[in-house]
Amino acid sequence: MASAASSTCQRRYDVFLSFRGEDTRNNFTAHLYQALCQKGINTFIDDHKLERGQVISPDLFTAIENSMFSVVVLSQNYASSRWCLDELVKIVECMKSRGQRVLPIFYNVDPSDVRKQRGIFGEGLAKHDQERLENMGRVQS
């Protein structure tokens, strides 16, 4: 297999699924994963539930890097998860640096709420922004 730095890098997965487990793991995302696999599409799904305070494993970031596509299931609570946002940052990095294709799916969330960062989705983002500001204040003290 070619190195990750190689422009001819071989992809390990066709699709990486990014989703908020509590919102979609046992319904939409499970059905999507099954349908993709039935069509012979090699799909990565994180079937481990991360507990609060745990860090995302390097294997998860490697799976993102080694996927041709990322499907991001944006749900109401997606933005309230630090892990989902970390995945999304990595996905966007891969989109820009590796030409990875990204397909957003809006699941029970209005696309304009995501775009304009409002509603429950916006509240989740605001919570992380507030935590970041509080942490910066503690560091400067």
Protein backbone atom coordinates (compact mmCIF):
# COMPACT_ATOMS: atom_id res chain seq x y z
CA MET A 1 0.00 0.00 0.00
CA ALA A 2 1.30 3.46 -0.85
CA SER A 3 2.18 5.86 1.94
CA ALA A 4 -0.43 8.35 3.11
CA ALA A 5 1.67 11.17 1.70
CA SER A 6 1.62 9.69 -1.78
CA SER A 7 -0.71 11.32 -4.28
CA THR A 8 -1.54 7.84 -5.58
CA CYS A 9 -2.57 6.63 -2.14
CA GLN A 10 -4.82 3.59 -2.20
CA ARG A 11 -8.10 4.00 -0.35
CA ARG A 12 -9.07 1.45 2.26
CA TYR A 13 -12.74 2.47 2.37
CA ASP A 14 -15.16 3.71 -0.21
CA VAL A 15 -17.22 5.60 2.37
CA PHE A 16 -16.72 6.93 5.90
CA LEU A 17 -19.95 7.53 7.85
CA SER A 18 -19.95 10.43 10.33
CA PHE A 19 -23.01 10.64 12.57
CA ARG A 20 -24.25 11.41 16.07
CA GLY A 21 -24.82 7.98 17.58
CA GLU A 22 -27.65 8.86 19.93
CA ASP A 23 -29.58 10.48 17.06
CA THR A 24 -29.17 7.99 14.22
CA ARG A 25 -27.07 4.93 15.12
CA ASN A 26 -29.98 2.51 15.55
CA ASN A 27 -32.20 3.81 12.78
CA PHE A 28 -31.18 5.85 9.73
CA THR A 29 -27.42 5.27 9.88
CA ALA A 30 -27.81 1.53 10.52
CA HIS A 31 -30.08 1.23 7.48
CA LEU A 32 -27.77 3.37 5.34
CA TYR A 33 -24.75 1.26 6.36
CA GLN A 34 -26.59 -1.97 5.56
CA ALA A 35 -27.74 -0.67 2.15
CA LEU A 36 -24.23 0.49 1.22
CA CYS A 37 -22.72 -2.86 2.22
CA GLN A 38 -25.39 -4.77 0.26
CA LYS A 39 -24.32 -2.82 -2.83
CA GLY A 40 -20.70 -3.86 -2.25
CA ILE A 41 -19.59 -0.44 -1.05
CA ASN A 42 -16.82 -0.82 1.53
CA THR A 43 -18.07 1.42 4.33
CA PHE A 44 -16.50 2.42 7.63
CA ILE A 45 -18.83 2.88 10.58
CA ASP A 46 -17.60 3.48 14.10
CA ASP A 47 -19.50 0.93 16.13
CA HIS A 48 -17.88 1.91 19.41
CA LYS A 49 -19.73 4.32 21.62
CA LEU A 50 -17.37 6.97 22.93
CA GLU A 51 -17.97 7.99 26.52
CA ARG A 52 -17.67 11.62 27.62
CA GLY A 53 -14.03 12.54 28.12
CA GLN A 54 -12.64 9.87 25.80
CA VAL A 55 -10.57 10.97 22.84
CA ILE A 56 -11.18 9.84 19.30
CA SER A 57 -8.78 7.07 18.40
CA PRO A 58 -6.12 7.71 15.76
CA ASP A 59 -7.67 4.76 13.87
CA LEU A 60 -10.80 6.85 13.31
CA PHE A 61 -8.80 9.68 11.74
CA THR A 62 -6.91 7.13 9.63
CA ALA A 63 -10.24 5.71 8.42
CA ILE A 64 -11.31 9.21 7.37
CA GLU A 65 -8.01 9.76 5.54
CA ASN A 66 -8.31 6.41 3.79
CA SER A 67 -11.85 6.93 2.46
CA MET A 68 -12.85 8.18 -0.98
CA PHE A 69 -16.11 9.67 0.30
CA SER A 70 -17.43 10.88 3.63
CA VAL A 71 -21.15 10.89 4.31
CA VAL A 72 -21.96 13.29 7.14
CA VAL A 73 -25.37 12.68 8.72
CA LEU A 74 -26.16 16.08 10.19
CA SER A 75 -28.79 15.65 12.89
CA GLN A 76 -30.12 17.93 15.61
CA ASN A 77 -27.49 16.90 18.16
CA TYR A 78 -24.54 16.43 15.75
CA ALA A 79 -23.04 19.83 16.66
CA SER A 80 -23.38 19.19 20.39
CA SER A 81 -20.80 16.39 20.11
CA ARG A 82 -17.15 17.44 20.33
CA TRP A 83 -16.21 14.15 18.64
CA CYS A 84 -18.53 14.75 15.70
CA LEU A 85 -17.07 18.21 15.22
CA ASP A 86 -13.51 16.81 15.42
CA GLU A 87 -14.44 14.26 12.75
CA LEU A 88 -15.95 17.00 10.63
CA VAL A 89 -12.77 19.09 10.86
CA LYS A 90 -10.73 16.08 9.70
CA ILE A 91 -13.21 15.39 6.89
CA VAL A 92 -12.96 18.98 5.65
CA GLU A 93 -9.15 18.77 5.83
CA CYS A 94 -9.26 15.62 3.68
CA MET A 95 -11.70 17.27 1.29
CA LYS A 96 -9.26 20.15 0.78
CA SER A 97 -5.96 18.25 0.80
CA ARG A 98 -6.91 14.87 -0.70
CA GLY A 99 -9.90 15.68 -2.87
CA GLN A 100 -12.20 13.55 -0.72
CA ARG A 101 -15.85 13.94 -1.71
CA VAL A 102 -18.26 14.88 1.06
CA LEU A 103 -21.99 14.24 1.00
CA PRO A 104 -24.07 15.90 3.74
CA ILE A 105 -27.38 14.35 4.75
CA PHE A 106 -29.74 16.51 6.78
CA TYR A 107 -31.58 14.18 9.15
CA ASN A 108 -34.42 15.85 11.09
CA VAL A 109 -32.61 19.17 10.88
CA ASP A 110 -33.31 22.09 8.56
CA PRO A 111 -30.35 22.76 6.22
CA SER A 112 -30.78 26.50 6.81
CA ASP A 113 -30.38 25.93 10.59
CA VAL A 114 -27.04 24.26 9.86
CA ARG A 115 -25.94 26.93 7.39
CA LYS A 116 -27.01 29.82 9.64
CA GLN A 117 -26.00 28.03 12.88
CA ARG A 118 -29.36 28.45 14.57
CA GLY A 119 -31.92 26.25 16.31
CA ILE A 120 -30.79 23.17 18.21
CA PHE A 121 -27.86 22.74 15.82
CA GLY A 122 -26.70 26.31 16.50
CA GLU A 123 -27.13 25.85 20.25
CA GLY A 124 -24.73 22.90 20.12
CA LEU A 125 -22.12 24.99 18.33
CA ALA A 126 -22.63 27.90 20.73
CA LYS A 127 -22.05 25.58 23.70
CA HIS A 128 -18.65 24.54 22.33
CA ASP A 129 -17.76 28.14 21.55
CA GLN A 130 -18.62 29.14 25.13
CA GLU A 131 -16.53 26.27 26.55
CA ARG A 132 -13.60 27.34 24.36
CA LEU A 133 -13.84 30.93 25.61
CA GLU A 134 -14.04 29.76 29.23
CA ASN A 135 -10.98 27.53 28.75
CA MET A 136 -9.06 30.41 27.15
CA GLY A 137 -9.95 32.57 30.16
CA ARG A 138 -8.61 29.93 32.55
CA VAL A 139 -5.35 29.63 30.60
CA GLN A 140 -4.81 33.40 30.62
CA SER A 141 -5.54 33.68 34.38
